[in-house]
């Protein structure tokens, strides 16, 4: 009986040891790992980061003249949105082409594309070169006869000022027309226009032609037989032929000797209409009135 009592007492007073023994037994069998797993959860299957977007961005051409445009060309990957800034603005497609507005200064364009993996930006710069001026200068007519006039007509682009040189001088408008005035010799006219992009000049020549002075006019007249007072003509010395390009301005003359000479040929006449008259010359130096006026067109 006492033996049984001791066993009873053992069961009654040391239950903690039995629990410890059970825990130790379980640990020895490796079951403690299962117990820990059931209380902390699994750490496997961690997520992978999304790739960062890539952007390809370019302009064509990269340099333009003042007032010209360029074409922007781009594409992206791993992006959901793209936004423009700098010389352009607003939302843009993930890829595309776009012609810019006319450029007046060197401009930088930026494209930023955003996706799950972040944002990427690319920029291009387009250089704007100041355009050189252009000048157009014409003369009408380009060839004329002596004493006639031509009209100069001109225009320019990309210029802020124009100046004349050669057969004309001074400042001129950026466009216009002007008479040369009567010309007696061939003349050269130059117009130089200046702007931000430099200067440009244009030259035109107006040719003046001189008619060959090889025209002739053969004149003949009847010799007078009496003086102005009705008496016989006895003191005649010869004649003077007067001629010119106007009947009221016979500014040229030729002396014809001999009282019996009644004809004369005028040479060296230019093209045009000429007028002629003759007067009798007396020995005492006096001269008769002019004859009637004759004319000839060469």
C-alpha atoms as a PDB file:
ATOM      1  CA  UNK A   1       0.000   0.000   0.000  1.00  0.00           C
ATOM      2  CA  UNK A   2       2.693   2.466   0.724  1.00  0.00           C
ATOM      3  CA  UNK A   3       4.146   1.868  -2.609  1.00  0.00           C
ATOM      4  CA  UNK A   4       0.947   2.890  -4.254  1.00  0.00           C
ATOM      5  CA  UNK A   5       0.792   5.923  -2.055  1.00  0.00           C
ATOM      6  CA  UNK A   6       4.183   7.044  -3.243  1.00  0.00           C
ATOM      7  CA  UNK A   7       3.088   6.709  -6.824  1.00  0.00           C
ATOM      8  CA  UNK A   8       0.004   8.731  -6.058  1.00  0.00           C
ATOM      9  CA  UNK A   9       2.018  11.394  -4.428  1.00  0.00           C
ATOM     10  CA  UNK A  10       4.297  11.563  -7.414  1.00  0.00           C
ATOM     11  CA  UNK A  11       1.373  12.129  -9.745  1.00  0.00           C
ATOM     12  CA  UNK A  12      -0.094  14.670  -7.353  1.00  0.00           C
ATOM     13  CA  UNK A  13       2.825  16.951  -6.550  1.00  0.00           C
ATOM     14  CA  UNK A  14       5.047  17.071  -9.678  1.00  0.00           C
ATOM     15  CA  UNK A  15       2.734  17.622 -12.669  1.00  0.00           C
ATOM     16  CA  UNK A  16       5.128  20.337 -13.961  1.00  0.00           C
ATOM     17  CA  UNK A  17       7.804  17.770 -14.477  1.00  0.00           C
ATOM     18  CA  UNK A  18       5.481  15.673 -16.554  1.00  0.00           C
ATOM     19  CA  UNK A  19       4.683  18.666 -18.702  1.00  0.00           C
ATOM     20  CA  UNK A  20       8.355  19.421 -19.096  1.00  0.00           C
ATOM     21  CA  UNK A  21       9.005  15.849 -19.992  1.00  0.00           C
ATOM     22  CA  UNK A  22       6.299  15.990 -22.634  1.00  0.00           C
ATOM     23  CA  UNK A  23       7.710  19.198 -24.113  1.00  0.00           C
ATOM     24  CA  UNK A  24      11.151  17.733 -24.104  1.00  0.00           C
ATOM     25  CA  UNK A  25       9.902  14.630 -25.820  1.00  0.00           C
ATOM     26  CA  UNK A  26       8.187  16.664 -28.512  1.00  0.00           C
ATOM     27  CA  UNK A  27      11.295  18.763 -29.032  1.00  0.00           C
ATOM     28  CA  UNK A  28      13.372  15.717 -29.359  1.00  0.00           C
ATOM     29  CA  UNK A  29      11.086  14.423 -32.053  1.00  0.00           C
ATOM     30  CA  UNK A  30      11.394  17.672 -34.061  1.00  0.00           C
ATOM     31  CA  UNK A  31       7.765  18.692 -33.649  1.00  0.00           C
ATOM     32  CA  UNK A  32       8.720  22.098 -32.187  1.00  0.00           C
ATOM     33  CA  UNK A  33       9.431  23.358 -35.729  1.00  0.00           C
ATOM     34  CA  UNK A  34       5.828  22.624 -36.665  1.00  0.00           C
ATOM     35  CA  UNK A  35       4.599  24.455 -33.648  1.00  0.00           C
ATOM     36  CA  UNK A  36       6.691  27.543 -34.547  1.00  0.00           C
ATOM     37  CA  UNK A  37       5.480  27.461 -38.159  1.00  0.00           C
ATOM     38  CA  UNK A  38       1.897  27.468 -37.113  1.00  0.00           C
ATOM     39  CA  UNK A  39       2.345  30.579 -34.987  1.00  0.00           C
ATOM     40  CA  UNK A  40       4.646  32.874 -37.181  1.00  0.00           C
ATOM     41  CA  UNK A  41       3.428  32.284 -40.781  1.00  0.00           C
ATOM     42  CA  UNK A  42       5.412  31.754 -44.086  1.00  0.00           C
ATOM     43  CA  UNK A  43       8.108  34.278 -45.382  1.00  0.00           C
ATOM     44  CA  UNK A  44       8.489  32.829 -48.907  1.00  0.00           C
ATOM     45  CA  UNK A  45       7.181  34.378 -52.239  1.00  0.00           C
ATOM     46  CA  UNK A  46       8.552  37.993 -51.903  1.00  0.00           C
ATOM     47  CA  UNK A  47       7.551  40.317 -54.933  1.00  0.00           C
ATOM     48  CA  UNK A  48      10.071  41.483 -57.647  1.00  0.00           C
ATOM     49  CA  UNK A  49      10.453  45.335 -58.453  1.00  0.00           C
ATOM     50  CA  UNK A  50       8.898  46.656 -61.743  1.00  0.00           C
ATOM     51  CA  UNK A  51      11.424  47.820 -64.448  1.00  0.00           C
ATOM     52  CA  UNK A  52      12.084  51.519 -64.820  1.00  0.00           C
ATOM     53  CA  UNK A  53      10.708  53.160 -68.008  1.00  0.00           C
ATOM     54  CA  UNK A  54      13.010  53.835 -70.958  1.00  0.00           C
ATOM     55  CA  UNK A  55      12.615  56.845 -73.298  1.00  0.00           C
ATOM     56  CA  UNK A  56      14.058  57.453 -76.782  1.00  0.00           C
ATOM     57  CA  UNK A  57      13.625  61.110 -77.815  1.00  0.00           C
ATOM     58  CA  UNK A  58      15.096  63.037 -80.762  1.00  0.00           C
ATOM     59  CA  UNK A  59      14.471  65.993 -83.107  1.00  0.00           C
ATOM     60  CA  UNK A  60      14.930  66.258 -86.860  1.00  0.00           C
ATOM     61  CA  UNK A  61      16.577  68.574 -87.717  1.00  0.00           C
ATOM     62  CA  UNK A  62      18.512  69.673 -84.652  1.00  0.00           C
ATOM     63  CA  UNK A  63      19.244  73.117 -86.146  1.00  0.00           C
ATOM     64  CA  UNK A  64      16.784  75.329 -88.037  1.00  0.00           C
ATOM     65  CA  UNK A  65      16.658  78.846 -89.460  1.00  0.00           C
ATOM     66  CA  UNK A  66      14.699  81.565 -87.733  1.00  0.00           C
ATOM     67  CA  UNK A  67      10.949  80.909 -88.068  1.00  0.00           C
ATOM     68  CA  UNK A  68      11.293  77.263 -89.139  1.00  0.00           C
ATOM     69  CA  UNK A  69      10.019  74.138 -87.315  1.00  0.00           C
ATOM     70  CA  UNK A  70      11.498  70.805 -86.301  1.00  0.00           C
ATOM     71  CA  UNK A  71       9.912  67.349 -85.857  1.00  0.00           C
ATOM     72  CA  UNK A  72      10.049  65.658 -82.448  1.00  0.00           C
ATOM     73  CA  UNK A  73      10.102  61.832 -82.534  1.00  0.00           C
ATOM     74  CA  UNK A  74       9.867  59.597 -79.448  1.00  0.00           C
ATOM     75  CA  UNK A  75       8.934  56.165 -78.050  1.00  0.00           C
ATOM     76  CA  UNK A  76       8.960  54.633 -74.574  1.00  0.00           C
ATOM     77  CA  UNK A  77       8.718  51.266 -72.821  1.00  0.00           C
ATOM     78  CA  UNK A  78       7.538  50.198 -69.343  1.00  0.00           C
ATOM     79  CA  UNK A  79       5.656  53.517 -69.116  1.00  0.00           C
ATOM     80  CA  UNK A  80       2.013  54.360 -68.520  1.00  0.00           C
ATOM     81  CA  UNK A  81       2.081  58.163 -69.077  1.00  0.00           C
ATOM     82  CA  UNK A  82       4.333  60.711 -70.761  1.00  0.00           C
ATOM     83  CA  UNK A  83       4.425  64.466 -70.104  1.00  0.00           C
ATOM     84  CA  UNK A  84       6.067  67.249 -72.148  1.00  0.00           C
ATOM     85  CA  UNK A  85       7.856  70.285 -70.719  1.00  0.00           C
ATOM     86  CA  UNK A  86      10.249  73.000 -71.809  1.00  0.00           C
ATOM     87  CA  UNK A  87       9.510  74.095 -75.364  1.00  0.00           C
ATOM     88  CA  UNK A  88       6.290  72.044 -75.379  1.00  0.00           C
ATOM     89  CA  UNK A  89       3.774  71.006 -72.731  1.00  0.00           C
ATOM     90  CA  UNK A  90       0.929  68.692 -71.797  1.00  0.00           C
ATOM     91  CA  UNK A  91       0.335  64.942 -71.870  1.00  0.00           C
ATOM     92  CA  UNK A  92       1.782  63.031 -74.801  1.00  0.00           C
ATOM     93  CA  UNK A  93       1.284  59.548 -76.221  1.00  0.00           C
ATOM     94  CA  UNK A  94       3.715  56.818 -75.216  1.00  0.00           C
ATOM     95  CA  UNK A  95       5.208  57.130 -78.719  1.00  0.00           C
ATOM     96  CA  UNK A  96       4.685  59.490 -81.613  1.00  0.00           C
ATOM     97  CA  UNK A  97       5.880  62.335 -83.866  1.00  0.00           C
ATOM     98  CA  UNK A  98       5.022  66.025 -83.613  1.00  0.00           C
ATOM     99  CA  UNK A  99       5.991  69.121 -85.628  1.00  0.00           C
ATOM    100  CA  UNK A 100       6.795  72.108 -83.438  1.00  0.00           C
ATOM    101  CA  UNK A 101       5.520  75.631 -83.989  1.00  0.00           C
ATOM    102  CA  UNK A 102       7.913  78.038 -85.807  1.00  0.00           C
ATOM    103  CA  UNK A 103      10.948  78.630 -83.585  1.00  0.00           C
ATOM    104  CA  UNK A 104      12.368  82.081 -82.901  1.00  0.00           C
ATOM    105  CA  UNK A 105      15.135  81.067 -80.465  1.00  0.00           C
ATOM    106  CA  UNK A 106      17.169  78.011 -79.462  1.00  0.00           C
ATOM    107  CA  UNK A 107      14.740  75.784 -77.531  1.00  0.00           C
ATOM    108  CA  UNK A 108      15.016  72.726 -75.251  1.00  0.00           C
ATOM    109  CA  UNK A 109      12.264  70.063 -75.286  1.00  0.00           C
ATOM    110  CA  UNK A 110      11.859  67.509 -72.441  1.00  0.00           C
ATOM    111  CA  UNK A 111       9.752  64.329 -72.298  1.00  0.00           C
ATOM    112  CA  UNK A 112       9.178  62.538 -68.958  1.00  0.00           C
ATOM    113  CA  UNK A 113       7.584  59.057 -68.993  1.00  0.00           C
ATOM    114  CA  UNK A 114       6.301  57.386 -65.814  1.00  0.00           C
ATOM    115  CA  UNK A 115       5.451  53.761 -64.997  1.00  0.00           C
ATOM    116  CA  UNK A 116       5.308  51.342 -62.060  1.00  0.00           C
ATOM    117  CA  UNK A 117       9.090  51.325 -61.907  1.00  0.00           C
ATOM    118  CA  UNK A 118       9.483  55.105 -61.667  1.00  0.00           C
ATOM    119  CA  UNK A 119      10.107  57.966 -64.143  1.00  0.00           C
ATOM    120  CA  UNK A 120      12.633  58.643 -66.903  1.00  0.00           C
ATOM    121  CA  UNK A 121      13.204  61.985 -68.688  1.00  0.00           C
ATOM    122  CA  UNK A 122      14.984  62.788 -71.940  1.00  0.00           C
ATOM    123  CA  UNK A 123      15.706  66.247 -73.448  1.00  0.00           C
ATOM    124  CA  UNK A 124      16.695  67.544 -76.880  1.00  0.00           C
ATOM    125  CA  UNK A 125      17.866  71.052 -77.808  1.00  0.00           C
ATOM    126  CA  UNK A 126      17.068  72.637 -81.184  1.00  0.00           C
ATOM    127  CA  UNK A 127      19.367  75.449 -82.284  1.00  0.00           C
ATOM    128  CA  UNK A 128      17.793  78.396 -84.124  1.00  0.00           C
ATOM    129  CA  UNK A 129      20.169  80.262 -86.433  1.00  0.00           C
ATOM    130  CA  UNK A 130      19.347  83.801 -87.517  1.00  0.00           C
ATOM    131  CA  UNK A 131      18.480  83.775 -91.239  1.00  0.00           C
ATOM    132  CA  UNK A 132      20.555  85.964 -93.557  1.00  0.00           C
ATOM    133  CA  UNK A 133      18.708  88.700 -95.464  1.00  0.00           C
ATOM    134  CA  UNK A 134      17.736  88.237 -99.104  1.00  0.00           C
ATOM    135  CA  UNK A 135      17.535  91.067-101.676  1.00  0.00           C
ATOM    136  CA  UNK A 136      15.861  91.259-105.081  1.00  0.00           C
ATOM    137  CA  UNK A 137      16.622  94.266-107.330  1.00  0.00           C
ATOM    138  CA  UNK A 138      15.451  94.719-110.934  1.00  0.00           C
ATOM    139  CA  UNK A 139      15.492  97.530-113.524  1.00  0.00           C
ATOM    140  CA  UNK A 140      12.853  98.107-116.188  1.00  0.00           C
ATOM    141  CA  UNK A 141      13.839  98.557-118.921  1.00  0.00           C
ATOM    142  CA  UNK A 142      17.325  97.133-118.532  1.00  0.00           C
ATOM    143  CA  UNK A 143      18.407  98.746-121.818  1.00  0.00           C
ATOM    144  CA  UNK A 144      17.368 102.193-123.012  1.00  0.00           C
ATOM    145  CA  UNK A 145      18.413 105.049-125.263  1.00  0.00           C
ATOM    146  CA  UNK A 146      20.293 108.083-124.035  1.00  0.00           C
ATOM    147  CA  UNK A 147      18.109 110.531-122.157  1.00  0.00           C
ATOM    148  CA  UNK A 148      15.537 107.926-121.107  1.00  0.00           C
ATOM    149  CA  UNK A 149      14.874 106.656-117.564  1.00  0.00           C
ATOM    150  CA  UNK A 150      14.440 103.229-115.984  1.00  0.00           C
ATOM    151  CA  UNK A 151      12.496 102.190-112.875  1.00  0.00           C
ATOM    152  CA  UNK A 152      14.308 100.283-110.115  1.00  0.00           C
ATOM    153  CA  UNK A 153      12.155  97.867-108.088  1.00  0.00           C
ATOM    154  CA  UNK A 154      13.356  95.942-105.026  1.00  0.00           C
ATOM    155  CA  UNK A 155      12.277  93.826-102.064  1.00  0.00           C
ATOM    156  CA  UNK A 156      14.027  92.133 -99.118  1.00  0.00           C
ATOM    157  CA  UNK A 157      13.462  89.540 -96.377  1.00  0.00           C
ATOM    158  CA  UNK A 158      14.994  89.134 -92.881  1.00  0.00           C
ATOM    159  CA  UNK A 159      16.363  92.686 -93.144  1.00  0.00           C
ATOM    160  CA  UNK A 160      16.115  95.692 -90.851  1.00  0.00           C
ATOM    161  CA  UNK A 161      17.772  98.313 -93.084  1.00  0.00           C
ATOM    162  CA  UNK A 162      18.765  98.829 -96.745  1.00  0.00           C
ATOM    163  CA  UNK A 163      21.250 101.265 -98.295  1.00  0.00           C
ATOM    164  CA  UNK A 164      21.977 102.229-101.910  1.00  0.00           C
ATOM    165  CA  UNK A 165      25.364 102.625-103.583  1.00  0.00           C
ATOM    166  CA  UNK A 166      26.784 102.976-107.067  1.00  0.00           C
ATOM    167  CA  UNK A 167      24.697 105.229-109.320  1.00  0.00           C
ATOM    168  CA  UNK A 168      22.350 105.956-106.387  1.00  0.00           C
ATOM    169  CA  UNK A 169      23.055 106.593-102.689  1.00  0.00           C
ATOM    170  CA  UNK A 170      21.416 106.826 -99.289  1.00  0.00           C
ATOM    171  CA  UNK A 171      19.036 104.763 -97.166  1.00  0.00           C
ATOM    172  CA  UNK A 172      16.186 102.960 -98.885  1.00  0.00           C
ATOM    173  CA  UNK A 173      13.015 101.279 -97.668  1.00  0.00           C
ATOM    174  CA  UNK A 174      13.003  97.496 -97.246  1.00  0.00           C
ATOM    175  CA  UNK A 175      10.968  97.365-100.471  1.00  0.00           C
ATOM    176  CA  UNK A 176       9.905  99.900-103.068  1.00  0.00           C
ATOM    177  CA  UNK A 177      10.502 101.412-106.505  1.00  0.00           C
ATOM    178  CA  UNK A 178      12.332 104.496-107.791  1.00  0.00           C
ATOM    179  CA  UNK A 179      13.091 106.174-111.123  1.00  0.00           C
ATOM    180  CA  UNK A 180      16.702 106.496-112.201  1.00  0.00           C
ATOM    181  CA  UNK A 181      16.039 109.813-113.931  1.00  0.00           C
ATOM    182  CA  UNK A 182      17.315 110.512-117.468  1.00  0.00           C
ATOM    183  CA  UNK A 183      20.485 108.534-118.197  1.00  0.00           C
ATOM    184  CA  UNK A 184      23.195 109.478-120.674  1.00  0.00           C
ATOM    185  CA  UNK A 185      25.496 106.533-119.912  1.00  0.00           C
ATOM    186  CA  UNK A 186      25.199 102.978-118.641  1.00  0.00           C
ATOM    187  CA  UNK A 187      24.796 102.946-114.839  1.00  0.00           C
ATOM    188  CA  UNK A 188      25.158 100.323-112.100  1.00  0.00           C
ATOM    189  CA  UNK A 189      22.945 100.277-109.001  1.00  0.00           C
ATOM    190  CA  UNK A 190      23.631  98.268-105.807  1.00  0.00           C
ATOM    191  CA  UNK A 191      21.286  97.680-102.865  1.00  0.00           C
ATOM    192  CA  UNK A 192      22.654  96.224 -99.605  1.00  0.00           C
ATOM    193  CA  UNK A 193      20.226  95.056 -96.897  1.00  0.00           C
ATOM    194  CA  UNK A 194      21.298  94.186 -93.341  1.00  0.00           C
ATOM    195  CA  UNK A 195      19.597  92.121 -90.612  1.00  0.00           C
ATOM    196  CA  UNK A 196      20.370  90.058 -87.502  1.00  0.00           C
ATOM    197  CA  UNK A 197      21.630  87.222 -89.701  1.00  0.00           C
ATOM    198  CA  UNK A 198      24.118  89.382 -91.662  1.00  0.00           C
ATOM    199  CA  UNK A 199      23.855  91.332 -94.907  1.00  0.00           C
ATOM    200  CA  UNK A 200      23.131  90.676 -98.568  1.00  0.00           C
ATOM    201  CA  UNK A 201      23.613  92.800-101.706  1.00  0.00           C
ATOM    202  CA  UNK A 202      22.128  92.819-105.190  1.00  0.00           C
ATOM    203  CA  UNK A 203      23.410  94.753-108.219  1.00  0.00           C
ATOM    204  CA  UNK A 204      21.729  95.666-111.501  1.00  0.00           C
ATOM    205  CA  UNK A 205      23.056  97.560-114.523  1.00  0.00           C
ATOM    206  CA  UNK A 206      21.003  99.754-116.834  1.00  0.00           C
ATOM    207  CA  UNK A 207      22.595  99.842-120.294  1.00  0.00           C
ATOM    208  CA  UNK A 208      22.337 103.066-122.297  1.00  0.00           C
ATOM    209  CA  UNK A 209      22.732 102.680-126.047  1.00  0.00           C
ATOM    210  CA  UNK A 210      24.005 105.486-128.298  1.00  0.00           C
ATOM    211  CA  UNK A 211      22.592 105.493-131.823  1.00  0.00           C
ATOM    212  CA  UNK A 212      25.225 105.487-134.537  1.00  0.00           C
ATOM    213  CA  UNK A 213      25.623 108.998-135.915  1.00  0.00           C
ATOM    214  CA  UNK A 214      25.700 107.892-139.531  1.00  0.00           C
ATOM    215  CA  UNK A 215      22.493 109.423-140.832  1.00  0.00           C
ATOM    216  CA  UNK A 216      22.563 111.901-143.743  1.00  0.00           C
ATOM    217  CA  UNK A 217      20.223 114.444-145.232  1.00  0.00           C
ATOM    218  CA  UNK A 218      20.665 115.872-148.789  1.00  0.00           C
ATOM    219  CA  UNK A 219      19.429 119.425-149.143  1.00  0.00           C
ATOM    220  CA  UNK A 220      18.888 121.575-152.220  1.00  0.00           C
ATOM    221  CA  UNK A 221      17.529 125.078-152.718  1.00  0.00           C
ATOM    222  CA  UNK A 222      17.004 127.763-155.351  1.00  0.00           C
ATOM    223  CA  UNK A 223      19.531 130.587-155.301  1.00  0.00           C
ATOM    224  CA  UNK A 224      18.035 134.034-154.684  1.00  0.00           C
ATOM    225  CA  UNK A 225      18.175 136.557-157.565  1.00  0.00           C
ATOM    226  CA  UNK A 226      17.443 139.814-155.821  1.00  0.00           C
ATOM    227  CA  UNK A 227      18.002 141.683-152.580  1.00  0.00           C
ATOM    228  CA  UNK A 228      15.296 142.228-150.076  1.00  0.00           C
ATOM    229  CA  UNK A 229      14.727 145.689-151.575  1.00  0.00           C
ATOM    230  CA  UNK A 230      14.011 144.155-154.983  1.00  0.00           C
ATOM    231  CA  UNK A 231      17.327 145.106-156.600  1.00  0.00           C
ATOM    232  CA  UNK A 232      19.588 142.615-158.380  1.00  0.00           C
ATOM    233  CA  UNK A 233      21.671 140.349-156.144  1.00  0.00           C
ATOM    234  CA  UNK A 234      25.347 141.031-156.899  1.00  0.00           C
ATOM    235  CA  UNK A 235      27.144 140.574-153.554  1.00  0.00           C
ATOM    236  CA  UNK A 236      26.282 136.951-152.580  1.00  0.00           C
ATOM    237  CA  UNK A 237      29.087 135.076-150.774  1.00  0.00           C
ATOM    238  CA  UNK A 238      27.469 131.682-150.077  1.00  0.00           C
ATOM    239  CA  UNK A 239      24.995 130.022-147.753  1.00  0.00           C
ATOM    240  CA  UNK A 240      24.588 128.734-144.188  1.00  0.00           C
ATOM    241  CA  UNK A 241      22.599 125.553-143.514  1.00  0.00           C
ATOM    242  CA  UNK A 242      20.918 125.398-140.102  1.00  0.00           C
ATOM    243  CA  UNK A 243      19.579 122.127-138.557  1.00  0.00           C
ATOM    244  CA  UNK A 244      18.465 120.540-135.266  1.00  0.00           C
ATOM    245  CA  UNK A 245      16.036 118.108-133.637  1.00  0.00           C
ATOM    246  CA  UNK A 246      13.372 120.780-133.127  1.00  0.00           C
ATOM    247  CA  UNK A 247      12.018 123.261-135.712  1.00  0.00           C
ATOM    248  CA  UNK A 248      12.332 126.008-133.118  1.00  0.00           C
ATOM    249  CA  UNK A 249      15.884 125.088-132.117  1.00  0.00           C
ATOM    250  CA  UNK A 250      18.130 124.750-135.195  1.00  0.00           C
ATOM    251  CA  UNK A 251      21.230 124.753-133.026  1.00  0.00           C
ATOM    252  CA  UNK A 252      23.712 123.270-135.493  1.00  0.00           C
ATOM    253  CA  UNK A 253      24.999 124.817-138.731  1.00  0.00           C
ATOM    254  CA  UNK A 254      27.244 124.310-141.742  1.00  0.00           C
ATOM    255  CA  UNK A 255      28.698 127.008-144.049  1.00  0.00           C
ATOM    256  CA  UNK A 256      28.390 126.362-147.754  1.00  0.00           C
ATOM    257  CA  UNK A 257      30.750 128.532-149.873  1.00  0.00           C
ATOM    258  CA  UNK A 258      30.031 129.769-153.349  1.00  0.00           C
ATOM    259  CA  UNK A 259      27.247 131.921-154.634  1.00  0.00           C
ATOM    260  CA  UNK A 260      26.271 129.369-157.253  1.00  0.00           C
ATOM    261  CA  UNK A 261      26.182 126.334-154.892  1.00  0.00           C
ATOM    262  CA  UNK A 262      22.604 125.172-154.359  1.00  0.00           C
ATOM    263  CA  UNK A 263      22.934 121.804-152.579  1.00  0.00           C
ATOM    264  CA  UNK A 264      24.548 120.338-149.476  1.00  0.00           C
ATOM    265  CA  UNK A 265      24.546 116.975-147.654  1.00  0.00           C
ATOM    266  CA  UNK A 266      24.447 116.983-143.849  1.00  0.00           C
ATOM    267  CA  UNK A 267      26.195 113.940-142.318  1.00  0.00           C
ATOM    268  CA  UNK A 268      26.706 112.457-138.831  1.00  0.00           C
ATOM    269  CA  UNK A 269      23.053 112.535-137.864  1.00  0.00           C
ATOM    270  CA  UNK A 270      21.691 110.278-135.100  1.00  0.00           C
ATOM    271  CA  UNK A 271      18.396 108.452-135.344  1.00  0.00           C
ATOM    272  CA  UNK A 272      15.372 110.683-134.967  1.00  0.00           C
ATOM    273  CA  UNK A 273      13.625 113.539-136.785  1.00  0.00           C
ATOM    274  CA  UNK A 274      15.770 116.440-137.974  1.00  0.00           C
ATOM    275  CA  UNK A 275      14.722 119.894-139.227  1.00  0.00           C
ATOM    276  CA  UNK A 276      16.619 122.028-141.800  1.00  0.00           C
ATOM    277  CA  UNK A 277      16.664 125.611-143.209  1.00  0.00           C
ATOM    278  CA  UNK A 278      19.083 127.649-145.295  1.00  0.00           C
ATOM    279  CA  UNK A 279      20.049 131.373-145.346  1.00  0.00           C
ATOM    280  CA  UNK A 280      22.008 133.372-147.946  1.00  0.00           C
ATOM    281  CA  UNK A 281      25.208 135.122-146.841  1.00  0.00           C
ATOM    282  CA  UNK A 282      26.205 138.489-148.370  1.00  0.00           C
ATOM    283  CA  UNK A 283      29.746 139.742-148.854  1.00  0.00           C
ATOM    284  CA  UNK A 284      29.199 142.490-146.285  1.00  0.00           C
ATOM    285  CA  UNK A 285      28.454 139.878-143.583  1.00  0.00           C
ATOM    286  CA  UNK A 286      24.714 140.257-143.533  1.00  0.00           C
ATOM    287  CA  UNK A 287      22.419 137.258-143.828  1.00  0.00           C
ATOM    288  CA  UNK A 288      19.006 136.729-145.285  1.00  0.00           C
ATOM    289  CA  UNK A 289      16.023 135.383-143.446  1.00  0.00           C
ATOM    290  CA  UNK A 290      15.737 131.596-143.151  1.00  0.00           C
ATOM    291  CA  UNK A 291      14.076 129.636-145.877  1.00  0.00           C
ATOM    292  CA  UNK A 292      11.135 127.396-145.212  1.00  0.00           C
ATOM    293  CA  UNK A 293      11.886 124.484-142.828  1.00  0.00           C
ATOM    294  CA  UNK A 294      12.242 120.970-144.217  1.00  0.00           C
ATOM    295  CA  UNK A 295      12.451 117.772-142.116  1.00  0.00           C
ATOM    296  CA  UNK A 296      13.693 114.212-142.346  1.00  0.00           C
ATOM    297  CA  UNK A 297      13.261 111.213-140.003  1.00  0.00           C
ATOM    298  CA  UNK A 298      16.176 108.810-139.783  1.00  0.00           C
END
